[in-house]
């Protein structure tokens, strides 16, 4: 129980420091999983535990999918997920209720600094702006793996301390 409390306190300090760096006035808002706007992109953060360590989960709202391109865009997002998943990278989903594309990423919270979190958010917000212009449809099918690796390179060096248990 003590580790859980310490981890929760670490998460709260991380989010408070992050909010201070971005000059966000209401850190309490962010601490409760509410959306905060950074560079015109909505972000949400939550604390959790993925065996064996505590993690921070980050969600970025990339925006809606245009109805006329829905199938093509969903195909590209699924292909991107496949290559990002191989590196424990971010994943894309579509919120059922709002029909918004959400990019989600989890990483260890114990070793993450507020500065690094800010860098990740800035990087992710620029990717969101790119997505809003192109929907990643400007990438040829045989280049999705290379483009995904380059686009999300900032997330590559965030590793879990230990591997998940194998069955």
N, C-alpha and C. Protein backbone atom coordinates (compact mmCIF):
# COMPACT_ATOMS: atom_id res chain seq x y z
N UNK A 1 0.82 -1.19 0.00
CA UNK A 1 0.00 0.00 0.00
C UNK A 1 0.87 1.26 0.00
N UNK A 2 2.01 1.20 0.72
CA UNK A 2 2.89 2.36 0.80
C UNK A 2 3.45 2.71 -0.57
N UNK A 3 3.84 1.70 -1.37
CA UNK A 3 4.35 1.95 -2.72
C UNK A 3 3.29 2.61 -3.59
N UNK A 4 2.04 2.16 -3.45
CA UNK A 4 0.95 2.74 -4.24
C UNK A 4 0.77 4.21 -3.88
N UNK A 5 0.79 4.53 -2.59
CA UNK A 5 0.66 5.93 -2.16
C UNK A 5 1.82 6.77 -2.67
N UNK A 6 3.04 6.24 -2.55
CA UNK A 6 4.21 6.96 -3.03
C UNK A 6 4.12 7.19 -4.54
N UNK A 7 3.67 6.18 -5.27
CA UNK A 7 3.54 6.29 -6.72
C UNK A 7 2.49 7.31 -7.11
N UNK A 8 1.40 7.34 -6.37
CA UNK A 8 0.33 8.31 -6.62
C UNK A 8 0.83 9.73 -6.35
N UNK A 9 1.61 9.89 -5.29
CA UNK A 9 2.19 11.19 -4.97
C UNK A 9 3.17 11.61 -6.08
N UNK A 10 3.95 10.67 -6.58
CA UNK A 10 4.88 10.94 -7.68
C UNK A 10 4.13 11.40 -8.92
N UNK A 11 3.02 10.73 -9.23
CA UNK A 11 2.18 11.12 -10.37
C UNK A 11 1.65 12.53 -10.17
N UNK A 12 1.14 12.82 -8.99
CA UNK A 12 0.57 14.14 -8.72
C UNK A 12 1.63 15.24 -8.84
N UNK A 13 2.83 14.97 -8.34
CA UNK A 13 3.92 15.94 -8.46
C UNK A 13 4.29 16.13 -9.94
N UNK A 14 4.36 15.06 -10.68
CA UNK A 14 4.67 15.13 -12.10
C UNK A 14 3.67 16.02 -12.84
N UNK A 15 2.39 15.81 -12.59
CA UNK A 15 1.35 16.59 -13.27
C UNK A 15 1.38 18.05 -12.81
N UNK A 16 1.60 18.28 -11.52
CA UNK A 16 1.69 19.67 -11.04
C UNK A 16 2.89 20.40 -11.68
N UNK A 17 4.04 19.72 -11.73
CA UNK A 17 5.23 20.31 -12.35
C UNK A 17 5.01 20.53 -13.84
N UNK A 18 4.38 19.59 -14.50
CA UNK A 18 4.04 19.71 -15.92
C UNK A 18 3.16 20.94 -16.15
N UNK A 19 2.11 21.07 -15.35
CA UNK A 19 1.20 22.22 -15.47
C UNK A 19 1.94 23.53 -15.22
N UNK A 20 2.87 23.53 -14.28
CA UNK A 20 3.65 24.75 -14.00
C UNK A 20 4.52 25.11 -15.21
N UNK A 21 5.14 24.13 -15.83
CA UNK A 21 5.98 24.40 -17.00
C UNK A 21 5.17 24.98 -18.15
N UNK A 22 3.93 24.51 -18.32
CA UNK A 22 3.06 25.02 -19.38
C UNK A 22 2.23 26.22 -18.92
N UNK A 23 2.43 26.61 -17.66
CA UNK A 23 1.68 27.74 -17.08
C UNK A 23 0.17 27.50 -17.13
N UNK A 24 -0.22 26.26 -16.87
CA UNK A 24 -1.64 25.92 -16.76
C UNK A 24 -2.05 26.22 -15.33
N UNK A 25 -3.09 26.99 -15.17
CA UNK A 25 -3.47 27.46 -13.85
C UNK A 25 -4.13 26.41 -12.96
N UNK A 26 -4.84 25.47 -13.52
CA UNK A 26 -5.60 24.54 -12.70
C UNK A 26 -5.06 23.11 -12.82
N UNK A 27 -4.01 22.83 -12.04
CA UNK A 27 -3.43 21.49 -12.05
C UNK A 27 -4.43 20.45 -11.54
N UNK A 28 -5.31 20.84 -10.62
CA UNK A 28 -6.31 19.92 -10.08
C UNK A 28 -7.19 19.36 -11.20
N UNK A 29 -7.48 20.20 -12.15
CA UNK A 29 -8.29 19.80 -13.31
C UNK A 29 -7.59 18.64 -14.04
N UNK A 30 -6.30 18.80 -14.30
CA UNK A 30 -5.52 17.77 -15.00
C UNK A 30 -5.35 16.52 -14.15
N UNK A 31 -5.21 16.70 -12.83
CA UNK A 31 -5.02 15.55 -11.94
C UNK A 31 -6.21 14.61 -11.91
N UNK A 32 -7.38 15.11 -12.26
CA UNK A 32 -8.58 14.28 -12.23
C UNK A 32 -8.97 13.76 -13.60
N UNK A 33 -8.01 13.76 -14.53
CA UNK A 33 -8.25 13.17 -15.85
C UNK A 33 -9.02 14.05 -16.81
N UNK A 34 -9.23 15.30 -16.45
CA UNK A 34 -9.94 16.21 -17.36
C UNK A 34 -9.02 16.68 -18.48
N UNK A 35 -9.61 17.05 -19.58
CA UNK A 35 -8.85 17.50 -20.74
C UNK A 35 -8.24 18.87 -20.45
N UNK A 36 -6.98 19.05 -20.86
CA UNK A 36 -6.32 20.34 -20.83
C UNK A 36 -5.81 20.64 -22.23
N UNK A 37 -5.87 21.89 -22.63
CA UNK A 37 -5.46 22.29 -23.97
C UNK A 37 -3.99 22.68 -23.99
N UNK A 38 -3.24 22.03 -24.86
CA UNK A 38 -1.84 22.34 -25.09
C UNK A 38 -1.66 22.47 -26.60
N UNK A 39 -1.21 23.62 -27.05
CA UNK A 39 -1.00 23.84 -28.49
C UNK A 39 -2.23 23.49 -29.32
N UNK A 40 -3.38 23.81 -28.82
CA UNK A 40 -4.65 23.58 -29.53
C UNK A 40 -5.01 22.10 -29.68
N UNK A 41 -4.48 21.27 -28.79
CA UNK A 41 -4.80 19.84 -28.75
C UNK A 41 -5.21 19.51 -27.32
N UNK A 42 -6.29 18.77 -27.17
CA UNK A 42 -6.76 18.38 -25.84
C UNK A 42 -6.01 17.14 -25.35
N UNK A 43 -5.47 17.21 -24.12
CA UNK A 43 -4.74 16.11 -23.50
C UNK A 43 -5.39 15.75 -22.18
N UNK A 44 -5.30 14.47 -21.84
CA UNK A 44 -5.77 13.98 -20.56
C UNK A 44 -4.72 13.02 -20.02
N UNK A 45 -4.58 12.98 -18.69
CA UNK A 45 -3.59 12.12 -18.05
C UNK A 45 -4.26 11.31 -16.95
N UNK A 46 -3.80 10.09 -16.78
CA UNK A 46 -4.32 9.28 -15.68
C UNK A 46 -3.19 8.44 -15.10
N UNK A 47 -3.39 8.06 -13.87
CA UNK A 47 -2.43 7.23 -13.15
C UNK A 47 -2.96 5.81 -13.11
N UNK A 48 -2.07 4.86 -13.26
CA UNK A 48 -2.47 3.46 -13.16
C UNK A 48 -1.27 2.60 -12.83
N UNK A 49 -1.52 1.31 -12.76
CA UNK A 49 -0.44 0.38 -12.47
C UNK A 49 -0.51 -0.75 -13.48
N UNK A 50 0.57 -0.89 -14.21
CA UNK A 50 0.72 -2.01 -15.14
C UNK A 50 1.84 -2.84 -14.56
N UNK A 51 1.55 -4.08 -14.29
CA UNK A 51 2.53 -4.93 -13.63
C UNK A 51 3.87 -4.80 -14.32
N UNK A 52 4.92 -4.56 -13.63
CA UNK A 52 5.09 -4.46 -12.18
C UNK A 52 5.25 -3.04 -11.69
N UNK A 53 4.92 -2.02 -12.49
CA UNK A 53 5.22 -0.67 -12.07
C UNK A 53 4.11 0.33 -12.38
N UNK A 54 4.13 1.46 -11.69
CA UNK A 54 3.12 2.50 -11.94
C UNK A 54 3.38 3.19 -13.28
N UNK A 55 2.30 3.57 -13.93
CA UNK A 55 2.41 4.24 -15.23
C UNK A 55 1.55 5.49 -15.26
N UNK A 56 1.92 6.38 -16.16
CA UNK A 56 1.07 7.51 -16.49
C UNK A 56 0.55 7.22 -17.89
N UNK A 57 -0.74 7.38 -18.06
CA UNK A 57 -1.34 7.23 -19.38
C UNK A 57 -1.70 8.61 -19.89
N UNK A 58 -1.36 8.84 -21.13
CA UNK A 58 -1.59 10.13 -21.76
C UNK A 58 -2.50 9.91 -22.96
N UNK A 59 -3.49 10.78 -23.10
CA UNK A 59 -4.44 10.70 -24.21
C UNK A 59 -4.45 12.04 -24.93
N UNK A 60 -4.36 11.99 -26.26
CA UNK A 60 -4.42 13.21 -27.06
C UNK A 60 -5.57 13.09 -28.04
N UNK A 61 -6.42 14.11 -28.05
CA UNK A 61 -7.57 14.11 -28.96
C UNK A 61 -7.12 14.69 -30.30
N UNK A 62 -7.00 13.82 -31.30
CA UNK A 62 -6.55 14.25 -32.62
C UNK A 62 -7.67 14.90 -33.42
N UNK A 63 -8.91 14.63 -33.07
CA UNK A 63 -10.04 15.25 -33.76
C UNK A 63 -10.91 14.22 -34.47
N UNK A 64 -11.95 14.69 -35.16
CA UNK A 64 -12.88 13.79 -35.83
C UNK A 64 -12.35 13.27 -37.17
N UNK A 65 -12.90 12.16 -37.60
CA UNK A 65 -12.60 11.61 -38.93
C UNK A 65 -13.65 12.14 -39.90
N UNK A 66 -13.21 12.70 -41.03
CA UNK A 66 -14.21 13.13 -42.02
C UNK A 66 -14.98 11.92 -42.55
N UNK A 67 -16.31 11.98 -42.55
CA UNK A 67 -17.12 10.81 -42.92
C UNK A 67 -16.81 10.21 -44.29
N UNK A 68 -16.45 11.03 -45.26
CA UNK A 68 -16.22 10.51 -46.61
C UNK A 68 -14.92 9.71 -46.73
N UNK A 69 -14.03 9.85 -45.77
CA UNK A 69 -12.74 9.15 -45.82
C UNK A 69 -12.58 8.17 -44.66
N UNK A 70 -13.68 7.86 -44.00
CA UNK A 70 -13.63 7.07 -42.77
C UNK A 70 -12.90 5.73 -42.94
N UNK A 71 -13.26 4.96 -43.92
CA UNK A 71 -12.65 3.64 -44.10
C UNK A 71 -11.15 3.73 -44.38
N UNK A 72 -10.79 4.64 -45.26
CA UNK A 72 -9.38 4.79 -45.63
C UNK A 72 -8.54 5.26 -44.43
N UNK A 73 -9.06 6.21 -43.68
CA UNK A 73 -8.34 6.73 -42.51
C UNK A 73 -8.23 5.66 -41.43
N UNK A 74 -9.29 4.92 -41.19
CA UNK A 74 -9.24 3.85 -40.19
C UNK A 74 -8.23 2.78 -40.58
N UNK A 75 -8.13 2.48 -41.86
CA UNK A 75 -7.15 1.50 -42.33
C UNK A 75 -5.73 1.98 -42.03
N UNK A 76 -5.44 3.25 -42.33
CA UNK A 76 -4.11 3.80 -42.07
C UNK A 76 -3.81 3.80 -40.57
N UNK A 77 -4.78 4.15 -39.75
CA UNK A 77 -4.57 4.15 -38.30
C UNK A 77 -4.30 2.73 -37.78
N UNK A 78 -5.01 1.75 -38.31
CA UNK A 78 -4.76 0.37 -37.89
C UNK A 78 -3.37 -0.10 -38.30
N UNK A 79 -2.96 0.25 -39.51
CA UNK A 79 -1.61 -0.12 -39.96
C UNK A 79 -0.56 0.59 -39.10
N UNK A 80 -0.79 1.84 -38.78
CA UNK A 80 0.14 2.59 -37.93
C UNK A 80 0.20 1.94 -36.55
N UNK A 81 -0.94 1.56 -35.99
CA UNK A 81 -0.97 0.87 -34.69
C UNK A 81 -0.13 -0.38 -34.70
N UNK A 82 -0.21 -1.14 -35.78
CA UNK A 82 0.54 -2.39 -35.86
C UNK A 82 2.04 -2.13 -35.68
N UNK A 83 2.58 -1.13 -36.37
CA UNK A 83 4.01 -0.87 -36.29
C UNK A 83 4.40 -0.20 -34.99
N UNK A 84 3.53 0.64 -34.44
CA UNK A 84 3.83 1.28 -33.17
C UNK A 84 3.75 0.29 -32.02
N UNK A 85 2.83 -0.65 -32.09
CA UNK A 85 2.66 -1.66 -31.05
C UNK A 85 3.94 -2.49 -30.87
N UNK A 86 4.64 -2.74 -31.95
CA UNK A 86 5.86 -3.53 -31.88
C UNK A 86 6.92 -2.88 -31.00
N UNK A 87 6.86 -1.57 -30.83
CA UNK A 87 7.84 -0.83 -30.03
C UNK A 87 7.23 -0.29 -28.73
N UNK A 88 6.11 -0.81 -28.29
CA UNK A 88 5.38 -0.30 -27.12
C UNK A 88 5.10 1.19 -27.27
N UNK A 89 4.74 1.59 -28.47
CA UNK A 89 4.49 3.00 -28.74
C UNK A 89 3.04 3.37 -28.53
N UNK A 90 2.71 4.59 -28.92
CA UNK A 90 1.32 5.06 -28.82
C UNK A 90 0.40 4.22 -29.69
N UNK A 91 -0.87 4.23 -29.36
CA UNK A 91 -1.87 3.55 -30.19
C UNK A 91 -3.03 4.51 -30.44
N UNK A 92 -3.71 4.26 -31.53
CA UNK A 92 -4.86 5.07 -31.90
C UNK A 92 -6.14 4.30 -31.67
N UNK A 93 -7.16 5.03 -31.26
CA UNK A 93 -8.50 4.45 -31.15
C UNK A 93 -9.49 5.54 -31.52
N UNK A 94 -10.74 5.15 -31.64
CA UNK A 94 -11.80 6.10 -31.95
C UNK A 94 -12.80 6.04 -30.81
N UNK A 95 -13.04 7.19 -30.19
CA UNK A 95 -13.99 7.20 -29.09
C UNK A 95 -15.38 6.94 -29.65
N UNK A 96 -16.06 5.98 -29.04
CA UNK A 96 -17.37 5.55 -29.56
C UNK A 96 -18.41 6.66 -29.51
N UNK A 97 -18.42 7.40 -28.44
CA UNK A 97 -19.46 8.40 -28.24
C UNK A 97 -19.23 9.66 -29.09
N UNK A 98 -18.01 10.20 -29.02
CA UNK A 98 -17.73 11.46 -29.70
C UNK A 98 -17.20 11.30 -31.12
N UNK A 99 -16.82 10.07 -31.49
CA UNK A 99 -16.25 9.79 -32.81
C UNK A 99 -14.98 10.61 -33.06
N UNK A 100 -14.14 10.72 -32.03
CA UNK A 100 -12.87 11.42 -32.14
C UNK A 100 -11.73 10.41 -32.15
N UNK A 101 -10.67 10.70 -32.90
CA UNK A 101 -9.48 9.87 -32.88
C UNK A 101 -8.66 10.24 -31.66
N UNK A 102 -8.35 9.25 -30.84
CA UNK A 102 -7.59 9.45 -29.63
C UNK A 102 -6.28 8.67 -29.76
N UNK A 103 -5.19 9.35 -29.48
CA UNK A 103 -3.89 8.71 -29.43
C UNK A 103 -3.56 8.49 -27.96
N UNK A 104 -3.28 7.25 -27.60
CA UNK A 104 -3.01 6.91 -26.20
C UNK A 104 -1.60 6.35 -26.06
N UNK A 105 -0.97 6.68 -24.93
CA UNK A 105 0.37 6.21 -24.66
C UNK A 105 0.55 6.07 -23.16
N UNK A 106 1.16 4.98 -22.73
CA UNK A 106 1.47 4.78 -21.31
C UNK A 106 2.96 4.56 -21.15
N UNK A 107 3.50 5.12 -20.07
CA UNK A 107 4.92 4.92 -19.78
C UNK A 107 5.12 4.97 -18.27
N UNK A 108 6.26 4.47 -17.81
CA UNK A 108 6.53 4.47 -16.38
C UNK A 108 6.52 5.88 -15.81
N UNK A 109 5.79 6.07 -14.73
CA UNK A 109 5.70 7.41 -14.14
C UNK A 109 6.83 7.68 -13.16
N UNK A 110 7.44 6.66 -12.62
CA UNK A 110 8.47 6.84 -11.59
C UNK A 110 9.73 7.51 -12.14
N UNK A 111 10.04 7.29 -13.40
CA UNK A 111 11.28 7.81 -13.96
C UNK A 111 11.05 8.95 -14.96
N UNK A 112 9.81 9.36 -15.14
CA UNK A 112 9.48 10.40 -16.11
C UNK A 112 9.55 11.78 -15.45
N UNK A 113 10.26 12.69 -16.09
CA UNK A 113 10.33 14.05 -15.56
C UNK A 113 9.24 14.91 -16.21
N UNK A 114 8.92 16.01 -15.56
CA UNK A 114 7.93 16.94 -16.12
C UNK A 114 8.43 17.51 -17.44
N UNK A 115 9.73 17.76 -17.52
CA UNK A 115 10.32 18.28 -18.77
C UNK A 115 10.14 17.28 -19.91
N UNK A 116 10.42 16.00 -19.64
CA UNK A 116 10.26 14.97 -20.67
C UNK A 116 8.80 14.84 -21.07
N UNK A 117 7.89 14.90 -20.10
CA UNK A 117 6.46 14.84 -20.40
C UNK A 117 6.06 16.01 -21.29
N UNK A 118 6.59 17.20 -21.00
CA UNK A 118 6.32 18.37 -21.84
C UNK A 118 6.81 18.14 -23.27
N UNK A 119 8.01 17.60 -23.40
CA UNK A 119 8.56 17.31 -24.74
C UNK A 119 7.66 16.33 -25.49
N UNK A 120 7.18 15.31 -24.80
CA UNK A 120 6.31 14.32 -25.42
C UNK A 120 5.00 14.96 -25.87
N UNK A 121 4.44 15.82 -25.04
CA UNK A 121 3.17 16.48 -25.36
C UNK A 121 3.35 17.42 -26.56
N UNK A 122 4.44 18.18 -26.58
CA UNK A 122 4.70 19.07 -27.71
C UNK A 122 4.85 18.25 -28.98
N UNK A 123 5.60 17.15 -28.90
CA UNK A 123 5.77 16.27 -30.05
C UNK A 123 4.43 15.72 -30.51
N UNK A 124 3.64 15.24 -29.57
CA UNK A 124 2.34 14.65 -29.91
C UNK A 124 1.38 15.70 -30.47
N UNK A 125 1.46 16.93 -29.97
CA UNK A 125 0.57 17.96 -30.50
C UNK A 125 0.95 18.30 -31.94
N UNK A 126 2.23 18.28 -32.27
CA UNK A 126 2.62 18.54 -33.67
C UNK A 126 2.16 17.40 -34.57
N UNK A 127 2.19 16.17 -34.06
CA UNK A 127 1.69 15.03 -34.84
C UNK A 127 0.18 15.16 -35.03
N UNK A 128 -0.52 15.62 -33.99
CA UNK A 128 -1.97 15.82 -34.10
C UNK A 128 -2.29 16.87 -35.17
N UNK A 129 -1.52 17.95 -35.20
CA UNK A 129 -1.74 18.98 -36.22
C UNK A 129 -1.47 18.44 -37.62
N UNK A 130 -0.43 17.62 -37.75
CA UNK A 130 -0.15 16.98 -39.04
C UNK A 130 -1.31 16.07 -39.44
N UNK A 131 -1.80 15.28 -38.48
CA UNK A 131 -2.90 14.36 -38.77
C UNK A 131 -4.14 15.13 -39.22
N UNK A 132 -4.42 16.25 -38.58
CA UNK A 132 -5.60 17.05 -38.93
C UNK A 132 -5.52 17.59 -40.36
N UNK A 133 -4.31 17.73 -40.89
CA UNK A 133 -4.15 18.20 -42.27
C UNK A 133 -4.16 17.07 -43.29
N UNK A 134 -3.51 15.95 -42.94
CA UNK A 134 -3.30 14.88 -43.93
C UNK A 134 -4.01 13.57 -43.60
N UNK A 135 -4.40 13.39 -42.34
CA UNK A 135 -4.96 12.12 -41.84
C UNK A 135 -4.02 10.95 -42.11
N UNK A 136 -2.74 11.25 -42.30
CA UNK A 136 -1.68 10.28 -42.64
C UNK A 136 -1.95 9.61 -43.99
N UNK A 137 -2.84 10.17 -44.78
CA UNK A 137 -3.18 9.57 -46.08
C UNK A 137 -2.14 9.88 -47.15
N UNK A 138 -1.20 10.77 -46.84
CA UNK A 138 -0.16 11.11 -47.80
C UNK A 138 1.00 10.12 -47.78
N UNK A 139 0.87 9.07 -46.99
CA UNK A 139 1.93 8.08 -46.86
C UNK A 139 1.57 6.85 -47.69
N UNK A 140 2.49 6.41 -48.51
CA UNK A 140 2.26 5.20 -49.30
C UNK A 140 2.25 3.99 -48.37
N UNK A 141 1.48 2.99 -48.73
CA UNK A 141 1.31 1.81 -47.88
C UNK A 141 2.64 1.16 -47.50
N UNK A 142 3.59 1.12 -48.42
CA UNK A 142 4.87 0.47 -48.11
C UNK A 142 5.81 1.36 -47.29
N UNK A 143 5.38 2.58 -46.98
CA UNK A 143 6.20 3.49 -46.18
C UNK A 143 5.63 3.73 -44.78
N UNK A 144 4.53 3.10 -44.44
CA UNK A 144 3.89 3.35 -43.14
C UNK A 144 4.81 2.97 -41.99
N UNK A 145 5.52 1.86 -42.09
CA UNK A 145 6.39 1.45 -41.00
C UNK A 145 7.50 2.48 -40.76
N UNK A 146 8.18 2.90 -41.81
CA UNK A 146 9.26 3.87 -41.66
C UNK A 146 8.73 5.22 -41.17
N UNK A 147 7.60 5.65 -41.70
CA UNK A 147 7.03 6.93 -41.28
C UNK A 147 6.57 6.88 -39.83
N UNK A 148 5.99 5.76 -39.42
CA UNK A 148 5.54 5.62 -38.03
C UNK A 148 6.73 5.68 -37.09
N UNK A 149 7.82 5.00 -37.46
CA UNK A 149 9.01 5.00 -36.61
C UNK A 149 9.60 6.40 -36.49
N UNK A 150 9.65 7.12 -37.60
CA UNK A 150 10.21 8.47 -37.57
C UNK A 150 9.29 9.44 -36.83
N UNK A 151 8.01 9.35 -37.09
CA UNK A 151 7.03 10.28 -36.50
C UNK A 151 6.99 10.16 -34.98
N UNK A 152 7.10 8.94 -34.48
CA UNK A 152 6.97 8.70 -33.04
C UNK A 152 8.31 8.37 -32.38
N UNK A 153 9.40 8.85 -32.97
CA UNK A 153 10.74 8.56 -32.43
C UNK A 153 10.91 9.03 -31.00
N UNK A 154 10.25 10.12 -30.63
CA UNK A 154 10.38 10.66 -29.28
C UNK A 154 9.86 9.70 -28.22
N UNK A 155 9.04 8.76 -28.63
CA UNK A 155 8.45 7.83 -27.67
C UNK A 155 9.26 6.53 -27.56
N UNK A 156 10.26 6.38 -28.40
CA UNK A 156 11.00 5.13 -28.48
C UNK A 156 11.85 4.85 -27.25
N UNK A 157 12.40 5.86 -26.62
CA UNK A 157 13.33 5.66 -25.53
C UNK A 157 12.67 5.56 -24.16
N UNK A 158 11.36 5.49 -24.12
CA UNK A 158 10.64 5.33 -22.86
C UNK A 158 10.40 3.84 -22.69
N UNK A 159 11.16 3.22 -21.81
CA UNK A 159 11.06 1.77 -21.63
C UNK A 159 10.63 1.42 -20.22
N UNK A 160 9.93 0.33 -20.11
CA UNK A 160 9.56 -0.19 -18.80
C UNK A 160 10.79 -0.83 -18.17
N UNK A 161 10.87 -0.76 -16.85
CA UNK A 161 12.02 -1.31 -16.14
C UNK A 161 12.17 -2.81 -16.35
N UNK A 162 11.05 -3.49 -16.39
CA UNK A 162 11.09 -4.93 -16.54
C UNK A 162 9.97 -5.35 -17.48
N UNK A 163 10.14 -6.50 -18.04
CA UNK A 163 9.13 -6.99 -18.97
C UNK A 163 7.91 -7.52 -18.22
N UNK A 164 6.81 -7.52 -18.91
CA UNK A 164 5.61 -8.12 -18.34
C UNK A 164 5.83 -9.62 -18.23
N UNK A 165 5.17 -10.26 -17.28
CA UNK A 165 5.36 -11.70 -17.13
C UNK A 165 4.91 -12.44 -18.38
N UNK A 166 5.67 -13.46 -18.70
CA UNK A 166 5.35 -14.30 -19.86
C UNK A 166 4.65 -15.57 -19.37
N UNK A 167 3.74 -16.03 -20.20
CA UNK A 167 3.03 -17.25 -19.81
C UNK A 167 3.71 -18.47 -20.37
